[in-house]
């Protein structure tokens, strides 16, 4: 994949979109994907491209990284990561279709897996502290 120009705001923060994906009304199963280096489990997300809305970026990243499509349930707002100069708009997506083959599976061997919510929190505490705030908001809605 060609490297895209990263969209930044007036403060120099990288603009991102991320998806907490669920597959039932209880919202107790969450989709995680492997990082590119396969050392941790993460939620799908990435940079917003020029002339792209935040929700369009979320749907694009979701398909590219996880090979799934779904519908927006709610917008959890923006989570700011001062240390990494990122502002991430976090969405909750109900997964409606899972594809057997997708871009980043072919390119990077990325995997996806459904986890119980309590498992997700444990996995992220160990490797992706920065994404825990996404789930704090998720649990409050």
Protein backbone atom coordinates (compact mmCIF):
# COMPACT_ATOMS: atom_id res chain seq x y z
CA UNK A 1 0.00 0.00 0.00
CA UNK A 2 1.24 3.46 -0.85
CA UNK A 3 1.97 5.70 2.11
CA UNK A 4 -0.73 8.38 2.35
CA UNK A 5 -0.29 11.94 3.53
CA UNK A 6 -1.15 12.09 7.23
CA UNK A 7 -3.80 14.64 8.07
CA UNK A 8 -2.94 16.89 11.00
CA UNK A 9 -4.94 19.61 12.73
CA UNK A 10 -3.86 23.19 13.45
CA UNK A 11 -2.11 22.04 16.65
CA UNK A 12 0.00 19.53 14.68
CA UNK A 13 -1.87 16.50 16.05
CA UNK A 14 -2.33 13.55 13.71
CA UNK A 15 -6.03 12.96 13.00
CA UNK A 16 -7.10 9.33 13.37
CA UNK A 17 -10.20 7.15 13.48
CA UNK A 18 -10.56 3.87 15.37
CA UNK A 19 -13.32 1.27 15.72
CA UNK A 20 -14.52 -0.75 18.67
CA UNK A 21 -16.32 -3.56 16.84
CA UNK A 22 -19.14 -5.59 18.38
CA UNK A 23 -21.27 -8.41 17.01
CA UNK A 24 -24.20 -8.66 19.41
CA UNK A 25 -26.58 -6.36 21.27
CA UNK A 26 -24.92 -7.07 24.63
CA UNK A 27 -21.70 -5.61 23.19
CA UNK A 28 -19.71 -8.14 25.20
CA UNK A 29 -17.65 -9.51 22.29
CA UNK A 30 -15.02 -7.24 20.76
CA UNK A 31 -13.01 -7.72 17.57
CA UNK A 32 -9.25 -7.29 17.89
CA UNK A 33 -6.59 -7.57 15.21
CA UNK A 34 -2.90 -8.29 15.40
CA UNK A 35 -0.51 -5.39 15.10
CA UNK A 36 1.58 -5.34 11.92
CA UNK A 37 4.53 -6.83 13.79
CA UNK A 38 2.19 -9.43 15.35
CA UNK A 39 3.37 -8.68 18.90
CA UNK A 40 0.05 -7.45 20.27
CA UNK A 41 -3.70 -7.35 19.79
CA UNK A 42 -5.21 -3.94 18.95
CA UNK A 43 -8.41 -2.36 17.72
CA UNK A 44 -8.56 -1.35 14.04
CA UNK A 45 -7.76 2.27 13.27
CA UNK A 46 -5.50 4.65 11.45
CA UNK A 47 -5.01 8.06 9.92
CA UNK A 48 -7.68 10.15 8.28
CA UNK A 49 -6.79 10.97 4.69
CA UNK A 50 -7.23 14.25 2.83
CA UNK A 51 -10.90 14.90 1.84
CA UNK A 52 -12.12 11.98 3.97
CA UNK A 53 -14.63 12.20 6.82
CA UNK A 54 -13.80 10.63 10.17
CA UNK A 55 -16.47 7.94 9.79
CA UNK A 56 -15.36 7.18 6.21
CA UNK A 57 -11.80 6.77 7.51
CA UNK A 58 -13.05 4.44 10.25
CA UNK A 59 -14.89 2.24 7.74
CA UNK A 60 -11.89 2.19 5.37
CA UNK A 61 -9.44 1.25 8.13
CA UNK A 62 -11.83 -1.41 9.40
CA UNK A 63 -11.98 -3.11 6.02
CA UNK A 64 -8.25 -2.73 5.25
CA UNK A 65 -7.02 -3.95 8.64
CA UNK A 66 -9.72 -6.38 9.78
CA UNK A 67 -11.59 -7.41 6.64
CA UNK A 68 -15.00 -6.55 8.07
CA UNK A 69 -17.81 -4.14 7.27
CA UNK A 70 -20.50 -2.86 9.55
CA UNK A 71 -22.71 -0.01 10.61
CA UNK A 72 -22.12 2.84 13.01
CA UNK A 73 -23.77 2.41 16.40
CA UNK A 74 -22.31 5.45 18.15
CA UNK A 75 -19.53 8.01 18.18
CA UNK A 76 -17.49 8.00 21.41
CA UNK A 77 -15.81 11.29 20.59
CA UNK A 78 -12.15 12.20 20.38
CA UNK A 79 -9.42 10.75 22.58
CA UNK A 80 -6.26 12.85 22.75
CA UNK A 81 -2.83 11.30 23.13
CA UNK A 82 -0.57 14.21 24.04
CA UNK A 83 2.63 12.15 24.16
CA UNK A 84 2.18 10.85 20.59
CA UNK A 85 0.44 14.00 19.29
CA UNK A 86 -2.66 12.12 18.12
CA UNK A 87 -6.37 12.83 18.27
CA UNK A 88 -8.41 9.71 17.60
CA UNK A 89 -12.15 9.74 16.90
CA UNK A 90 -13.47 6.46 18.31
CA UNK A 91 -16.57 4.79 16.88
CA UNK A 92 -18.56 1.74 17.94
CA UNK A 93 -19.36 -0.39 14.88
CA UNK A 94 -21.75 -3.35 14.66
CA UNK A 95 -20.05 -5.88 12.36
CA UNK A 96 -22.40 -7.15 9.67
CA UNK A 97 -19.97 -8.99 7.38
CA UNK A 98 -16.61 -10.72 7.84
CA UNK A 99 -14.55 -11.40 4.71
CA UNK A 100 -12.26 -14.42 4.43
CA UNK A 101 -9.56 -12.45 2.64
CA UNK A 102 -8.57 -8.78 2.99
CA UNK A 103 -5.72 -6.39 2.15
CA UNK A 104 -3.65 -6.51 5.32
CA UNK A 105 -4.10 -10.23 5.81
CA UNK A 106 -2.40 -10.72 2.45
CA UNK A 107 0.22 -7.99 2.97
CA UNK A 108 1.12 -8.44 6.63
CA UNK A 109 -0.47 -11.71 7.72
CA UNK A 110 -2.79 -9.79 10.02
CA UNK A 111 -5.26 -11.89 12.01
CA UNK A 112 -8.54 -11.03 13.72
CA UNK A 113 -10.24 -12.62 16.70
CA UNK A 114 -13.37 -12.03 18.78
CA UNK A 115 -12.68 -11.66 22.50
CA UNK A 116 -14.90 -11.29 25.55
CA UNK A 117 -14.80 -7.76 26.92
CA UNK A 118 -12.90 -8.75 30.08
CA UNK A 119 -10.24 -10.47 27.93
CA UNK A 120 -9.85 -7.34 25.80
CA UNK A 121 -9.17 -5.19 28.85
CA UNK A 122 -6.49 -7.63 30.05
CA UNK A 123 -4.83 -7.82 26.62
CA UNK A 124 -4.71 -4.05 26.23
CA UNK A 125 -3.38 -3.48 29.75
CA UNK A 126 -0.43 -5.67 28.87
CA UNK A 127 0.43 -4.19 25.49
CA UNK A 128 -1.70 -1.24 24.36
CA UNK A 129 -2.28 1.08 27.30
CA UNK A 130 -3.07 3.91 24.87
CA UNK A 131 -6.23 2.11 23.70
CA UNK A 132 -7.58 1.54 27.20
CA UNK A 133 -9.05 5.05 27.24
CA UNK A 134 -11.14 4.10 24.19
CA UNK A 135 -12.68 1.31 26.26
CA UNK A 136 -13.22 3.51 29.30
CA UNK A 137 -15.47 5.66 27.11
CA UNK A 138 -17.11 2.57 25.61
CA UNK A 139 -18.00 1.23 29.06
CA UNK A 140 -19.57 4.55 30.05
CA UNK A 141 -21.99 4.66 27.10
